[in-house]
Amino acid sequence: MTKVTMTVNGKTVSGDVEGRTLLASFLRDDQGLTGTHIGCDTSQCGACVVHVDGVAVKSCTMLAAEADGATVDTIEGQANADGSLNVIQQAFQDHHGLQCGFCTPGMVMSAAALLKENPKPSEQEIREYLEGNICRCTGYHNIVKAIMAASGQDVTAIAAE
């Protein structure tokens, strides 16, 4: 067992983990942060995206021990301080960028990373950035609209798929 300590959503947390414990499992099982979804265990679906030291990572392929000492942000930490939805979450709701919701936490976390890097991405840039996230419900059109809206851009010009 290895002791890990990290800051998760602004709170210092610690735990003893086996060397093979994935960050996603540590967050879900040890910390009770079940918004980070495990969809594939192969780094293909993106449902497990979290931010580690400000970088979007797929937590199903990162060991918890690798995050020792890091700052980790999950979907649970994205809401505003008063508990209301942040601008990205609100845009996903307003533009129907979710259906079953399974991929949504990873999509929101990926969108936040994209908008941090590129505050005004084009439709094509959004689609390319989301290539590592799979949604089996929406067809991505409304997800792209939501991210465009969250960036303050006009969504009426987005072509229908």
C-alpha atoms as a PDB file:
ATOM      1  CA  MET A   1       0.000   0.000   0.000  1.00  0.00           C
ATOM      2  CA  THR A   2       1.097   3.522  -0.794  1.00  0.00           C
ATOM      3  CA  LYS A   3      -0.164   6.645   0.946  1.00  0.00           C
ATOM      4  CA  VAL A   4      -1.293   9.354  -1.482  1.00  0.00           C
ATOM      5  CA  THR A   5      -2.247  12.908  -0.695  1.00  0.00           C
ATOM      6  CA  MET A   6      -3.699  15.324  -3.208  1.00  0.00           C
ATOM      7  CA  THR A   7      -5.914  18.357  -3.368  1.00  0.00           C
ATOM      8  CA  VAL A   8      -9.258  17.400  -4.892  1.00  0.00           C
ATOM      9  CA  ASN A   9     -11.665  20.211  -5.695  1.00  0.00           C
ATOM     10  CA  GLY A  10      -9.830  22.456  -3.244  1.00  0.00           C
ATOM     11  CA  LYS A  11      -9.792  19.981  -0.365  1.00  0.00           C
ATOM     12  CA  THR A  12      -6.744  17.996   0.776  1.00  0.00           C
ATOM     13  CA  VAL A  13      -7.478  14.266   0.769  1.00  0.00           C
ATOM     14  CA  SER A  14      -5.338  11.250   1.605  1.00  0.00           C
ATOM     15  CA  GLY A  15      -5.655   7.535   1.332  1.00  0.00           C
ATOM     16  CA  ASP A  16      -3.774   4.267   1.179  1.00  0.00           C
ATOM     17  CA  VAL A  17      -3.873   2.727  -2.276  1.00  0.00           C
ATOM     18  CA  GLU A  18      -2.479  -0.325  -3.956  1.00  0.00           C
ATOM     19  CA  GLY A  19       0.060   0.425  -6.663  1.00  0.00           C
ATOM     20  CA  ARG A  20      -2.431  -0.579  -9.342  1.00  0.00           C
ATOM     21  CA  THR A  21      -5.242   1.719  -8.129  1.00  0.00           C
ATOM     22  CA  LEU A  22      -6.403   4.011 -10.893  1.00  0.00           C
ATOM     23  CA  LEU A  23      -7.050   7.677 -10.200  1.00  0.00           C
ATOM     24  CA  ALA A  24     -10.651   7.176 -11.342  1.00  0.00           C
ATOM     25  CA  SER A  25     -11.127   4.401  -8.785  1.00  0.00           C
ATOM     26  CA  PHE A  26      -9.539   6.457  -6.014  1.00  0.00           C
ATOM     27  CA  LEU A  27     -11.846   9.368  -6.782  1.00  0.00           C
ATOM     28  CA  ARG A  28     -14.967   7.229  -7.077  1.00  0.00           C
ATOM     29  CA  ASP A  29     -14.406   4.537  -4.456  1.00  0.00           C
ATOM     30  CA  ASP A  30     -12.273   6.255  -1.831  1.00  0.00           C
ATOM     31  CA  GLN A  31     -13.510   9.839  -2.159  1.00  0.00           C
ATOM     32  CA  GLY A  32     -17.133   9.193  -3.180  1.00  0.00           C
ATOM     33  CA  LEU A  33     -16.827  11.461  -6.241  1.00  0.00           C
ATOM     34  CA  THR A  34     -18.905   9.335  -8.585  1.00  0.00           C
ATOM     35  CA  GLY A  35     -19.305  12.004 -11.269  1.00  0.00           C
ATOM     36  CA  THR A  36     -16.082  10.734 -12.801  1.00  0.00           C
ATOM     37  CA  HIS A  37     -17.391   7.858 -14.895  1.00  0.00           C
ATOM     38  CA  ILE A  38     -15.519   4.772 -16.006  1.00  0.00           C
ATOM     39  CA  GLY A  39     -16.751   3.763 -19.418  1.00  0.00           C
ATOM     40  CA  CYS A  40     -14.027   1.792 -21.124  1.00  0.00           C
ATOM     41  CA  ASP A  41     -10.830   1.395 -19.043  1.00  0.00           C
ATOM     42  CA  THR A  42      -8.881   1.878 -22.269  1.00  0.00           C
ATOM     43  CA  SER A  43      -8.662   5.672 -22.524  1.00  0.00           C
ATOM     44  CA  GLN A  44     -11.021   5.805 -25.492  1.00  0.00           C
ATOM     45  CA  CYS A  45     -14.368   7.140 -24.263  1.00  0.00           C
ATOM     46  CA  GLY A  46     -13.356  10.180 -22.198  1.00  0.00           C
ATOM     47  CA  ALA A  47     -16.079   9.755 -19.559  1.00  0.00           C
ATOM     48  CA  CYS A  48     -13.371   9.813 -16.876  1.00  0.00           C
ATOM     49  CA  VAL A  49     -11.700  13.124 -17.788  1.00  0.00           C
ATOM     50  CA  VAL A  50     -10.506  15.162 -14.801  1.00  0.00           C
ATOM     51  CA  HIS A  51      -7.945  17.935 -14.541  1.00  0.00           C
ATOM     52  CA  VAL A  52      -4.620  17.149 -12.874  1.00  0.00           C
ATOM     53  CA  ASP A  53      -2.550  20.251 -12.198  1.00  0.00           C
ATOM     54  CA  GLY A  54      -4.701  22.057 -14.761  1.00  0.00           C
ATOM     55  CA  VAL A  55      -4.304  19.485 -17.533  1.00  0.00           C
ATOM     56  CA  ALA A  56      -7.175  17.316 -18.780  1.00  0.00           C
ATOM     57  CA  VAL A  57      -6.338  13.633 -18.265  1.00  0.00           C
ATOM     58  CA  LYS A  58      -8.228  10.389 -18.594  1.00  0.00           C
ATOM     59  CA  SER A  59      -8.258   9.162 -15.030  1.00  0.00           C
ATOM     60  CA  CYS A  60      -8.953   5.541 -16.009  1.00  0.00           C
ATOM     61  CA  THR A  61      -5.389   5.235 -17.281  1.00  0.00           C
ATOM     62  CA  MET A  62      -3.568   7.246 -14.618  1.00  0.00           C
ATOM     63  CA  LEU A  63      -2.527   5.657 -11.361  1.00  0.00           C
ATOM     64  CA  ALA A  64      -3.612   7.346  -8.141  1.00  0.00           C
ATOM     65  CA  ALA A  65       0.017   7.290  -7.008  1.00  0.00           C
ATOM     66  CA  GLU A  66       0.943   9.392 -10.040  1.00  0.00           C
ATOM     67  CA  ALA A  67      -1.375  12.124  -8.731  1.00  0.00           C
ATOM     68  CA  ASP A  68       0.282  12.186  -5.300  1.00  0.00           C
ATOM     69  CA  GLY A  69       0.877  15.851  -4.450  1.00  0.00           C
ATOM     70  CA  ALA A  70      -1.192  17.070  -7.405  1.00  0.00           C
ATOM     71  CA  THR A  71      -4.234  19.285  -7.626  1.00  0.00           C
ATOM     72  CA  VAL A  72      -7.167  17.357  -9.096  1.00  0.00           C
ATOM     73  CA  ASP A  73     -10.405  18.925 -10.262  1.00  0.00           C
ATOM     74  CA  THR A  74     -13.456  16.785 -10.979  1.00  0.00           C
ATOM     75  CA  ILE A  75     -16.936  17.521 -12.280  1.00  0.00           C
ATOM     76  CA  GLU A  76     -18.110  17.904  -8.676  1.00  0.00           C
ATOM     77  CA  GLY A  77     -15.846  20.938  -8.318  1.00  0.00           C
ATOM     78  CA  GLN A  78     -17.083  22.741 -11.424  1.00  0.00           C
ATOM     79  CA  ALA A  79     -20.220  24.379 -10.028  1.00  0.00           C
ATOM     80  CA  ASN A  80     -20.123  27.961  -8.838  1.00  0.00           C
ATOM     81  CA  ALA A  81     -19.444  28.630  -5.135  1.00  0.00           C
ATOM     82  CA  ASP A  82     -23.181  29.060  -4.491  1.00  0.00           C
ATOM     83  CA  GLY A  83     -23.878  25.632  -6.022  1.00  0.00           C
ATOM     84  CA  SER A  84     -25.331  26.948  -9.265  1.00  0.00           C
ATOM     85  CA  LEU A  85     -24.136  25.556 -12.572  1.00  0.00           C
ATOM     86  CA  ASN A  86     -21.031  27.146 -14.072  1.00  0.00           C
ATOM     87  CA  VAL A  87     -21.211  28.674 -17.548  1.00  0.00           C
ATOM     88  CA  ILE A  88     -20.253  25.414 -19.308  1.00  0.00           C
ATOM     89  CA  GLN A  89     -22.690  23.283 -17.329  1.00  0.00           C
ATOM     90  CA  GLN A  90     -25.464  25.825 -17.910  1.00  0.00           C
ATOM     91  CA  ALA A  91     -24.722  25.898 -21.637  1.00  0.00           C
ATOM     92  CA  PHE A  92     -24.952  22.084 -21.778  1.00  0.00           C
ATOM     93  CA  GLN A  93     -28.360  22.327 -20.119  1.00  0.00           C
ATOM     94  CA  ASP A  94     -29.576  25.257 -22.231  1.00  0.00           C
ATOM     95  CA  HIS A  95     -28.494  23.710 -25.544  1.00  0.00           C
ATOM     96  CA  HIS A  96     -29.419  20.104 -24.735  1.00  0.00           C
ATOM     97  CA  GLY A  97     -25.805  18.959 -24.873  1.00  0.00           C
ATOM     98  CA  LEU A  98     -26.633  15.841 -22.895  1.00  0.00           C
ATOM     99  CA  GLN A  99     -29.086  13.021 -23.042  1.00  0.00           C
ATOM    100  CA  CYS A 100     -28.354  10.014 -20.859  1.00  0.00           C
ATOM    101  CA  GLY A 101     -25.653  12.018 -19.057  1.00  0.00           C
ATOM    102  CA  PHE A 102     -23.022   9.284 -18.877  1.00  0.00           C
ATOM    103  CA  CYS A 103     -20.455  11.107 -21.011  1.00  0.00           C
ATOM    104  CA  THR A 104     -21.413  14.576 -19.774  1.00  0.00           C
ATOM    105  CA  PRO A 105     -18.914  14.918 -16.904  1.00  0.00           C
ATOM    106  CA  GLY A 106     -16.027  14.074 -19.229  1.00  0.00           C
ATOM    107  CA  MET A 107     -17.406  16.336 -21.949  1.00  0.00           C
ATOM    108  CA  VAL A 108     -17.747  19.259 -19.514  1.00  0.00           C
ATOM    109  CA  MET A 109     -14.218  18.703 -18.179  1.00  0.00           C
ATOM    110  CA  SER A 110     -12.824  18.482 -21.713  1.00  0.00           C
ATOM    111  CA  ALA A 111     -14.754  21.607 -22.699  1.00  0.00           C
ATOM    112  CA  ALA A 112     -13.317  23.471 -19.713  1.00  0.00           C
ATOM    113  CA  ALA A 113      -9.786  22.465 -20.741  1.00  0.00           C
ATOM    114  CA  LEU A 114     -10.428  23.524 -24.335  1.00  0.00           C
ATOM    115  CA  LEU A 115     -11.843  26.910 -23.353  1.00  0.00           C
ATOM    116  CA  LYS A 116      -8.897  27.495 -21.034  1.00  0.00           C
ATOM    117  CA  GLU A 117      -6.517  26.886 -23.959  1.00  0.00           C
ATOM    118  CA  ASN A 118      -8.665  28.516 -26.615  1.00  0.00           C
ATOM    119  CA  PRO A 119     -11.392  30.858 -25.294  1.00  0.00           C
ATOM    120  CA  LYS A 120     -13.078  31.249 -28.706  1.00  0.00           C
ATOM    121  CA  PRO A 121     -12.689  27.945 -30.571  1.00  0.00           C
ATOM    122  CA  SER A 122     -14.233  27.388 -33.959  1.00  0.00           C
ATOM    123  CA  GLU A 123     -16.757  24.617 -34.534  1.00  0.00           C
ATOM    124  CA  GLN A 124     -14.028  22.546 -36.205  1.00  0.00           C
ATOM    125  CA  GLU A 125     -11.607  23.102 -33.323  1.00  0.00           C
ATOM    126  CA  ILE A 126     -14.247  21.951 -30.842  1.00  0.00           C
ATOM    127  CA  ARG A 127     -14.978  18.822 -32.867  1.00  0.00           C
ATOM    128  CA  GLU A 128     -11.265  18.007 -33.138  1.00  0.00           C
ATOM    129  CA  TYR A 129     -10.688  18.582 -29.420  1.00  0.00           C
ATOM    130  CA  LEU A 130     -13.545  16.247 -28.507  1.00  0.00           C
ATOM    131  CA  GLU A 131     -12.230  13.363 -30.625  1.00  0.00           C
ATOM    132  CA  GLY A 132     -11.178  11.606 -27.413  1.00  0.00           C
ATOM    133  CA  ASN A 133     -14.702  11.747 -25.962  1.00  0.00           C
ATOM    134  CA  ILE A 134     -17.448   9.409 -27.079  1.00  0.00           C
ATOM    135  CA  CYS A 135     -21.154  10.161 -26.801  1.00  0.00           C
ATOM    136  CA  ARG A 136     -23.506   7.434 -27.894  1.00  0.00           C
ATOM    137  CA  CYS A 137     -26.662   9.566 -27.652  1.00  0.00           C
ATOM    138  CA  THR A 138     -26.406  13.107 -28.989  1.00  0.00           C
ATOM    139  CA  GLY A 139     -24.451  12.992 -32.216  1.00  0.00           C
ATOM    140  CA  TYR A 140     -22.296  15.862 -30.846  1.00  0.00           C
ATOM    141  CA  HIS A 141     -24.224  18.670 -32.558  1.00  0.00           C
ATOM    142  CA  ASN A 142     -25.728  20.054 -29.346  1.00  0.00           C
ATOM    143  CA  ILE A 143     -22.506  19.457 -27.422  1.00  0.00           C
ATOM    144  CA  VAL A 144     -20.663  21.629 -29.935  1.00  0.00           C
ATOM    145  CA  LYS A 145     -23.419  24.256 -29.673  1.00  0.00           C
ATOM    146  CA  ALA A 146     -23.129  24.214 -25.879  1.00  0.00           C
ATOM    147  CA  ILE A 147     -19.374  24.739 -25.958  1.00  0.00           C
ATOM    148  CA  MET A 148     -19.728  27.536 -28.516  1.00  0.00           C
ATOM    149  CA  ALA A 149     -22.358  29.174 -26.296  1.00  0.00           C
ATOM    150  CA  ALA A 150     -20.172  28.787 -23.205  1.00  0.00           C
ATOM    151  CA  SER A 151     -17.432  30.633 -25.069  1.00  0.00           C
ATOM    152  CA  GLY A 152     -19.822  33.510 -25.744  1.00  0.00           C
ATOM    153  CA  GLN A 153     -20.122  32.839 -29.453  1.00  0.00           C
ATOM    154  CA  ASP A 154     -23.212  32.811 -31.662  1.00  0.00           C
ATOM    155  CA  VAL A 155     -24.506  29.270 -32.072  1.00  0.00           C
ATOM    156  CA  THR A 156     -26.956  29.966 -34.875  1.00  0.00           C
ATOM    157  CA  ALA A 157     -24.220  29.561 -37.504  1.00  0.00           C
ATOM    158  CA  ILE A 158     -23.466  25.956 -36.512  1.00  0.00           C
ATOM    159  CA  ALA A 159     -24.406  23.651 -39.359  1.00  0.00           C
ATOM    160  CA  ALA A 160     -26.795  20.838 -38.583  1.00  0.00           C
ATOM    161  CA  GLU A 161     -25.270  17.396 -38.871  1.00  0.00           C
END
